[in-house]
Amino acid sequence: MPTINLRQARKTYPGASSDAVPALNLEIADGEFMCLLGPSGCGKTTTLRMVAGLENLSGGTLEIGGRVVDCPDQAVFIPPEKRELGLVFQSYALWPHLTIARNVDFGLRLRKMPAAEREARVTEVMVALGIDKYRDRYPSQLSGGQQQRVALARMLAVSPGVLLLDEPLSNLDARLRLEMRAELKRIHADFGTTIMFVTHDQWEAMTLATTIAVMNEGTLQQMGTPDDIYERPANRFVAEFVGAPPINLMELTGDMTPLARFARGFLGQALPEVSGVASVGIRPEALRILTGTAPLPEGQFSVPGVVTGVLPTGGSWIIELQAAGQTMFMTTHVAPDLAQGAQVTVVMRPSALHLFDGAGQRLVAADRLLGRVAA
């Protein structure tokens, strides 16, 4: 399967005041499941469309499998149909007048594959996706999840080197989305296809991808494994965008809350060699609460708090707290024996802190001192 390389890739639309994608450097390795993650309008779909050949690059170079397929400076542009790519969009785009089997073999017919070989390939893919029993039905007779499998089967049947997926699960209900995520993981494992998947759903990216590329305003913010993105966000944008409930942040500049002043004092004592800390974050699951006279765990620090809400989410709970003048959220998988208004002690583990400078960039030098990485 080919590797995809975008080098200084730029896309500018006529009349636009700024580039949709200013200068993107991105590599998707052979056999990788890459998720482009970001808010609406961040440039992720534009990037996918440039790879597909549905949008021309305004500058830079795009290589697929070592072959330059788009480079304005070299006057090179290989059309979509010659890039050996498969595309699946949010809309299934199935032919309503053709049976499921005919939909799946549509691309093979265009390639004039012999009938016997075509039938064998269609059966193989449909069996793999669990839709062979629907081969004589029409799209209108299938559920949304089944139609999505047909759209995937149609693409996989032609053995594309790269599979491009543009938010293909957004039209499905929660249960079908979960089933299709598992299906996509299995497809990737079974077929070894290089996959580029566009989504704004962070949990979709976290559960599917081998690598996530977080984008904002056309710029790549961070690329790494799901664990890297969540545990070591490169900047405040990534930290705030990934995670639900979102990360708790304490601003250490300007009009600080009592909690922020406490955090600054703690960091001044614990990390005197680290300077330039402008904000501190801690994930909701990293918070702990103590009630009554329970002792504070060694090496951790605490502030008094008040429970302002207990929100069940089915299997887990979100606890809203007022801690030293600031609203914070924590999560737990153990049913909390807490009532609104309860006085508690909010405990934080130093190694769970994320430190950012005034530009919102992660202070990587602090990670080792905080015990976030091995010494």
Protein backbone atom coordinates (compact mmCIF):
# COMPACT_ATOMS: atom_id res chain seq x y z
CA MET A 1 0.00 0.00 0.00
CA PRO A 2 1.33 3.48 -0.85
CA THR A 3 2.57 6.22 1.44
CA ILE A 4 0.98 9.67 1.08
CA ASN A 5 3.18 12.76 1.39
CA LEU A 6 1.95 16.35 1.47
CA ARG A 7 4.82 18.86 1.40
CA GLN A 8 4.04 22.53 1.92
CA ALA A 9 0.61 21.78 0.45
CA ARG A 10 -1.46 24.91 0.06
CA LYS A 11 -5.04 25.54 -1.02
CA THR A 12 -6.41 28.97 -1.77
CA TYR A 13 -9.94 29.54 -3.04
CA PRO A 14 -10.62 32.49 -5.38
CA GLY A 15 -11.83 35.53 -3.47
CA ALA A 16 -10.89 34.14 -0.07
CA SER A 17 -9.06 36.45 2.34
CA SER A 18 -6.83 33.63 3.60
CA ASP A 19 -5.65 30.16 2.64
CA ALA A 20 -7.97 27.28 3.47
CA VAL A 21 -4.79 25.26 4.01
CA PRO A 22 -1.69 27.48 4.26
CA ALA A 23 1.33 25.12 4.25
CA LEU A 24 0.64 21.55 5.30
CA ASN A 25 3.34 18.94 5.80
CA LEU A 26 1.80 15.54 6.44
CA GLU A 27 2.90 11.95 5.85
CA ILE A 28 0.53 8.98 6.00
CA ALA A 29 2.59 5.80 6.17
CA ASP A 30 1.96 2.58 4.29
CA GLY A 31 -0.93 0.68 5.92
CA GLU A 32 -1.66 3.42 8.44
CA PHE A 33 -5.12 4.38 9.70
CA MET A 34 -4.81 8.16 9.87
CA CYS A 35 -7.61 10.33 11.25
CA LEU A 36 -7.72 14.02 10.40
CA LEU A 37 -9.43 15.53 13.44
CA GLY A 38 -10.58 19.08 13.99
CA PRO A 39 -13.54 21.47 14.19
CA SER A 40 -15.68 22.42 11.21
CA GLY A 41 -13.80 24.64 8.77
CA CYS A 42 -10.33 23.58 9.93
CA GLY A 43 -9.28 22.30 6.49
CA LYS A 44 -9.48 18.56 7.05
CA THR A 45 -11.99 17.85 4.25
CA THR A 46 -10.08 20.20 1.93
CA THR A 47 -6.95 18.16 2.65
CA LEU A 48 -8.74 14.90 1.87
CA ARG A 49 -10.12 16.37 -1.36
CA MET A 50 -6.62 17.44 -2.40
CA VAL A 51 -5.37 13.89 -1.85
CA ALA A 52 -8.35 12.56 -3.82
CA GLY A 53 -7.72 14.94 -6.70
CA LEU A 54 -11.07 16.66 -6.30
CA GLU A 55 -9.21 19.87 -5.44
CA ASN A 56 -6.04 21.09 -7.13
CA LEU A 57 -3.17 22.19 -4.92
CA SER A 58 -2.46 25.92 -5.07
CA GLY A 59 1.12 25.24 -4.06
CA GLY A 60 3.39 22.55 -2.72
CA THR A 61 3.62 18.88 -3.66
CA LEU A 62 1.50 15.77 -3.19
CA GLU A 63 3.07 12.33 -3.62
CA ILE A 64 1.27 8.97 -3.46
CA GLY A 65 3.46 5.89 -3.41
CA GLY A 66 6.52 7.96 -4.34
CA ARG A 67 4.84 9.37 -7.46
CA VAL A 68 4.13 13.09 -7.73
CA VAL A 69 0.41 13.38 -8.47
CA ASP A 70 -0.06 17.12 -7.91
CA CYS A 71 2.53 19.91 -8.04
CA PRO A 72 1.64 23.30 -9.57
CA ASP A 73 5.32 24.31 -9.84
CA GLN A 74 6.03 21.24 -11.98
CA ALA A 75 2.72 21.52 -13.89
CA VAL A 76 1.81 18.00 -12.75
CA PHE A 77 -1.74 16.88 -12.00
CA ILE A 78 -2.85 13.24 -12.10
CA PRO A 79 -6.68 13.00 -12.27
CA PRO A 80 -8.59 11.19 -9.50
CA GLU A 81 -9.40 8.09 -11.54
CA LYS A 82 -5.70 7.40 -12.09
CA ARG A 83 -4.66 7.65 -8.44
CA GLU A 84 -5.95 4.20 -7.40
CA LEU A 85 -7.96 5.62 -4.52
CA GLY A 86 -11.30 4.65 -3.03
CA LEU A 87 -13.62 7.34 -1.68
CA VAL A 88 -16.52 6.99 0.75
CA PHE A 89 -18.41 10.11 1.71
CA GLN A 90 -21.05 11.04 4.26
CA SER A 91 -23.63 10.33 1.55
CA TYR A 92 -23.63 6.64 0.56
CA ALA A 93 -24.25 7.53 -3.12
CA LEU A 94 -25.56 4.07 -4.04
CA TRP A 95 -27.34 3.45 -7.33
CA PRO A 96 -31.01 3.04 -6.27
CA HIS A 97 -31.98 1.03 -9.39
CA LEU A 98 -29.19 -1.53 -9.03
CA THR A 99 -29.10 -4.50 -6.67
CA ILE A 100 -26.53 -4.59 -3.89
CA ALA A 101 -24.36 -7.01 -5.87
CA ARG A 102 -24.47 -4.73 -8.92
CA ASN A 103 -23.61 -1.72 -6.76
CA VAL A 104 -20.59 -3.54 -5.36
CA ASP A 105 -19.31 -4.70 -8.75
CA PHE A 106 -19.88 -1.33 -10.42
CA GLY A 107 -16.22 -0.33 -10.39
CA LEU A 108 -15.09 -3.76 -11.53
CA ARG A 109 -17.39 -3.56 -14.55
CA LEU A 110 -15.88 -0.19 -15.46
CA ARG A 111 -12.48 -1.86 -15.34
CA LYS A 112 -13.81 -4.63 -17.63
CA MET A 113 -12.86 -7.42 -15.23
CA PRO A 114 -13.92 -10.88 -16.50
CA ALA A 115 -17.29 -12.01 -15.15
CA ALA A 116 -16.04 -15.04 -13.19
CA GLU A 117 -13.24 -13.07 -11.55
CA ARG A 118 -15.61 -10.19 -10.84
CA GLU A 119 -18.16 -12.48 -9.18
CA ALA A 120 -15.48 -14.07 -6.99
CA ARG A 121 -14.18 -10.69 -5.87
CA VAL A 122 -17.65 -9.32 -5.11
CA THR A 123 -18.57 -12.40 -3.09
CA GLU A 124 -15.30 -12.24 -1.14
CA VAL A 125 -15.80 -8.61 -0.14
CA MET A 126 -19.52 -8.95 0.61
CA VAL A 127 -18.93 -12.01 2.81
CA ALA A 128 -16.17 -10.14 4.66
CA LEU A 129 -18.56 -7.27 5.40
CA GLY A 130 -21.54 -9.47 6.23
CA ILE A 131 -23.81 -8.26 3.42
CA ASP A 132 -23.72 -11.23 1.02
CA LYS A 133 -27.24 -12.25 2.06
CA TYR A 134 -28.53 -8.90 0.78
CA ARG A 135 -26.97 -9.21 -2.68
CA ASP A 136 -30.33 -9.35 -4.52
CA ARG A 137 -31.95 -6.50 -2.59
CA TYR A 138 -31.98 -2.80 -3.48
CA PRO A 139 -30.48 0.03 -1.37
CA SER A 140 -33.92 1.26 -0.26
CA GLN A 141 -34.49 -2.13 1.39
CA LEU A 142 -31.44 -1.81 3.67
CA SER A 143 -30.80 0.09 6.89
CA GLY A 144 -28.33 2.97 7.06
CA GLY A 145 -25.61 0.78 8.53
CA GLN A 146 -26.11 -1.86 5.85
CA GLN A 147 -25.96 0.79 3.11
CA GLN A 148 -22.72 2.09 4.61
CA ARG A 149 -21.27 -1.43 4.39
CA VAL A 150 -22.31 -1.59 0.73
CA ALA A 151 -20.53 1.72 0.04
CA LEU A 152 -17.40 0.36 1.72
CA ALA A 153 -17.67 -2.94 -0.17
CA ARG A 154 -17.91 -1.10 -3.50
CA MET A 155 -14.66 0.70 -2.74
CA LEU A 156 -12.83 -2.34 -1.36
CA ALA A 157 -13.84 -4.49 -4.33
CA VAL A 158 -11.53 -2.54 -6.65
CA SER A 159 -8.61 -3.02 -4.21
CA PRO A 160 -7.71 0.67 -3.84
CA GLY A 161 -4.24 1.45 -2.53
CA VAL A 162 -5.76 4.16 -0.31
CA LEU A 163 -9.24 4.44 1.18
CA LEU A 164 -10.45 8.00 1.82
CA LEU A 165 -13.37 8.38 4.22
CA ASP A 166 -15.05 11.76 4.76
CA GLU A 167 -17.19 11.56 7.93
CA PRO A 168 -18.87 8.36 6.67
CA LEU A 169 -20.55 7.54 10.00
CA SER A 170 -22.19 10.87 10.81
CA ASN A 171 -25.59 9.84 9.40
CA LEU A 172 -25.83 6.75 11.64
CA ASP A 173 -27.41 6.44 15.06
CA ALA A 174 -25.24 5.78 18.12
CA ARG A 175 -25.49 1.98 18.03
CA LEU A 176 -24.73 1.74 14.30
CA ARG A 177 -21.82 4.16 14.67
CA LEU A 178 -20.34 1.86 17.31
CA GLU A 179 -20.83 -1.19 15.09
CA MET A 180 -19.29 0.53 12.07
CA ARG A 181 -16.28 1.70 14.07
CA ALA A 182 -15.60 -1.94 14.95
CA GLU A 183 -16.18 -2.86 11.29
CA LEU A 184 -13.67 -0.27 10.07
CA LYS A 185 -11.07 -1.50 12.57
CA ARG A 186 -11.56 -5.03 11.26
CA ILE A 187 -11.37 -3.89 7.61
CA HIS A 188 -8.09 -2.16 8.32
CA ALA A 189 -6.70 -5.26 10.03
CA ASP A 190 -7.94 -7.68 7.35
CA PHE A 191 -7.21 -5.71 4.19
CA GLY A 192 -4.17 -3.68 5.34
CA THR A 193 -5.42 -0.69 3.36
CA THR A 194 -3.95 2.76 3.99
CA ILE A 195 -6.89 4.75 5.35
CA MET A 196 -7.36 8.51 5.62
CA PHE A 197 -10.42 9.26 7.74
CA VAL A 198 -11.87 12.75 8.28
CA THR A 199 -13.92 13.42 11.41
CA HIS A 200 -14.76 16.10 13.95
CA ASP A 201 -15.69 13.43 16.51
CA GLN A 202 -12.77 13.03 18.90
CA TRP A 203 -13.91 9.64 20.22
CA GLU A 204 -14.26 8.35 16.67
CA ALA A 205 -10.66 9.34 16.04
CA MET A 206 -9.42 7.97 19.37
CA THR A 207 -11.04 4.57 18.88
CA LEU A 208 -10.21 4.09 15.18
CA ALA A 209 -6.87 5.63 14.36
CA THR A 210 -3.35 4.36 14.61
CA THR A 211 -2.30 8.00 14.14
CA ILE A 212 -4.28 11.22 14.63
CA ALA A 213 -3.50 14.54 12.95
CA VAL A 214 -5.23 17.43 14.77
CA MET A 215 -5.91 20.46 12.58
CA ASN A 216 -7.11 23.98 13.25
CA GLU A 217 -7.50 26.83 10.76
CA GLY A 218 -5.73 24.81 8.09
CA THR A 219 -2.67 24.20 10.25
CA LEU A 220 -1.46 20.90 11.68
CA GLN A 221 -1.42 21.25 15.46
CA GLN A 222 -0.14 17.81 16.45
CA MET A 223 0.31 14.36 14.98
CA GLY A 224 0.71 11.24 17.08
CA THR A 225 -0.92 8.14 18.49
CA PRO A 226 -4.25 8.51 20.30
CA ASP A 227 -2.40 8.19 23.61
CA ASP A 228 0.08 10.91 22.61
CA ILE A 229 -2.70 13.29 21.62
CA TYR A 230 -4.63 12.79 24.85
CA GLU A 231 -1.82 12.37 27.39
CA ARG A 232 0.69 14.83 25.92
CA PRO A 233 -1.21 17.53 23.97
CA ALA A 234 1.24 19.77 22.13
CA ASN A 235 -0.69 22.95 22.90
CA ARG A 236 -3.80 24.30 24.57
CA PHE A 237 -5.93 23.92 21.45
CA VAL A 238 -5.31 20.17 21.34
CA ALA A 239 -5.74 19.86 25.11
CA GLU A 240 -9.10 21.64 25.03
CA PHE A 241 -10.40 20.06 21.82
CA VAL A 242 -9.70 16.45 22.81
CA GLY A 243 -11.48 15.24 25.90
CA ALA A 244 -15.04 15.16 27.24
CA PRO A 245 -15.63 16.72 29.66
CA PRO A 246 -12.92 19.14 28.56
CA ILE A 247 -9.68 19.63 30.44
CA ASN A 248 -9.80 21.84 33.54
CA LEU A 249 -7.60 24.92 33.00
CA MET A 250 -6.18 27.38 35.53
CA GLU A 251 -4.97 30.71 34.16
CA LEU A 252 -1.81 31.85 35.97
CA THR A 253 -1.76 35.36 34.52
CA GLY A 254 -4.04 38.37 34.88
CA ASP A 255 -6.95 38.21 37.32
CA MET A 256 -6.28 34.79 38.83
CA THR A 257 -8.72 32.73 40.86
CA PRO A 258 -7.63 31.57 44.34
CA LEU A 259 -7.11 28.11 42.82
CA ALA A 260 -4.78 29.55 40.16
CA ARG A 261 -2.81 31.46 42.79
CA PHE A 262 -2.48 28.25 44.79
CA ALA A 263 -1.32 26.35 41.69
CA ARG A 264 1.26 29.03 40.89
CA GLY A 265 2.60 28.90 44.44
CA PHE A 266 2.81 25.11 44.32
CA LEU A 267 4.65 25.14 40.99
CA GLY A 268 7.05 27.81 42.28
CA GLN A 269 8.05 25.46 45.08
CA ALA A 270 7.91 22.15 43.17
CA LEU A 271 9.42 23.36 39.88
CA PRO A 272 11.53 26.45 40.55
CA GLU A 273 13.62 25.71 37.43
CA VAL A 274 10.57 25.97 35.10
CA SER A 275 9.56 29.49 34.07
CA GLY A 276 7.00 30.98 31.74
CA VAL A 277 4.03 28.89 32.90
CA ALA A 278 0.88 30.78 31.83
CA SER A 279 -1.75 28.08 32.32
CA VAL A 280 -2.11 24.69 33.95
CA GLY A 281 -4.50 21.92 32.88
CA ILE A 282 -5.68 18.72 34.52
CA ARG A 283 -7.98 16.10 33.02
CA PRO A 284 -11.30 15.43 34.80
CA GLU A 285 -10.43 11.77 35.43
CA ALA A 286 -7.18 12.82 37.14
CA LEU A 287 -9.02 14.67 39.92
CA ARG A 288 -9.90 12.91 43.15
CA ILE A 289 -12.09 14.01 46.05
CA LEU A 290 -11.80 13.24 49.74
CA THR A 291 -14.57 13.61 52.29
CA GLY A 292 -14.43 13.88 56.05
CA THR A 293 -11.02 13.39 57.63
CA ALA A 294 -9.51 11.06 55.03
CA PRO A 295 -5.72 11.62 54.83
CA LEU A 296 -4.19 13.34 51.83
CA PRO A 297 -2.18 10.89 49.67
CA GLU A 298 1.56 11.49 49.90
CA GLY A 299 3.01 13.79 47.27
CA GLN A 300 -0.36 15.19 46.17
CA PHE A 301 -1.88 18.59 46.87
CA SER A 302 -5.42 19.66 47.62
CA VAL A 303 -7.86 22.55 47.84
CA PRO A 304 -11.29 22.75 49.53
CA GLY A 305 -14.30 22.37 47.26
CA VAL A 306 -18.07 22.17 47.13
CA VAL A 307 -20.09 19.74 45.01
CA THR A 308 -22.42 21.76 42.75
CA GLY A 309 -23.75 18.92 40.60
CA VAL A 310 -23.67 15.15 40.09
CA LEU A 311 -24.47 14.16 36.50
CA PRO A 312 -24.97 10.47 35.64
CA THR A 313 -24.02 9.55 32.08
CA GLY A 314 -24.71 5.79 32.21
CA GLY A 315 -21.84 3.77 33.61
CA SER A 316 -19.95 6.88 34.72
CA TRP A 317 -20.62 10.15 36.52
CA ILE A 318 -19.55 13.76 36.00
CA ILE A 319 -19.12 15.74 39.22
CA GLU A 320 -19.20 19.52 39.02
CA LEU A 321 -17.21 21.29 41.72
CA GLN A 322 -16.48 24.78 42.94
CA ALA A 323 -12.85 24.62 44.02
CA ALA A 324 -11.19 27.74 45.42
CA GLY A 325 -13.25 30.08 43.26
CA GLN A 326 -13.18 28.04 40.06
CA THR A 327 -15.57 25.58 38.42
CA MET A 328 -14.00 22.18 37.77
CA PHE A 329 -15.26 18.85 36.49
CA MET A 330 -14.18 15.37 37.45
CA THR A 331 -15.30 11.99 36.21
CA THR A 332 -15.63 8.67 38.00
CA HIS A 333 -16.77 5.15 37.15
CA VAL A 334 -17.79 4.49 40.77
CA ALA A 335 -21.21 5.72 41.85
CA PRO A 336 -20.45 8.75 44.07
CA ASP A 337 -22.07 9.01 47.48
CA LEU A 338 -22.29 12.78 47.21
CA ALA A 339 -25.07 15.31 47.40
CA GLN A 340 -25.18 18.80 45.98
CA GLY A 341 -23.60 21.18 48.48
CA ALA A 342 -21.29 18.56 50.03
CA GLN A 343 -18.00 19.92 51.36
CA VAL A 344 -15.06 17.97 49.92
CA THR A 345 -11.32 18.14 49.41
CA VAL A 346 -10.23 18.22 45.77
CA VAL A 347 -6.97 16.33 45.30
CA MET A 348 -4.59 16.75 42.36
CA ARG A 349 -1.59 14.62 41.46
CA PRO A 350 1.36 16.74 40.28
CA SER A 351 2.26 14.23 37.56
CA ALA A 352 -1.21 14.75 36.02
CA LEU A 353 -0.63 18.45 35.37
CA HIS A 354 -0.17 19.87 31.86
CA LEU A 355 1.79 23.14 31.70
CA PHE A 356 1.49 25.66 28.86
CA ASP A 357 3.37 28.89 28.12
CA GLY A 358 1.93 32.25 27.13
CA ALA A 359 1.62 31.17 23.49
CA GLY A 360 -0.35 28.08 24.52
CA GLN A 361 2.51 25.69 23.74
CA ARG A 362 3.26 22.74 25.98
CA LEU A 363 6.23 23.15 28.33
CA VAL A 364 7.78 19.79 27.52
CA ALA A 365 10.73 20.41 29.86
CA ALA A 366 8.35 20.21 32.83
CA ASP A 367 7.09 16.72 32.00
CA ARG A 368 10.13 14.90 33.36
CA LEU A 369 10.18 17.03 36.50
CA LEU A 370 6.50 16.32 37.10
CA GLY A 371 7.02 12.59 36.62
CA ARG A 372 4.94 12.44 33.42
CA VAL A 373 7.81 10.63 31.67
CA ALA A 374 10.40 8.28 33.07
CA ALA A 375 13.62 9.80 34.34
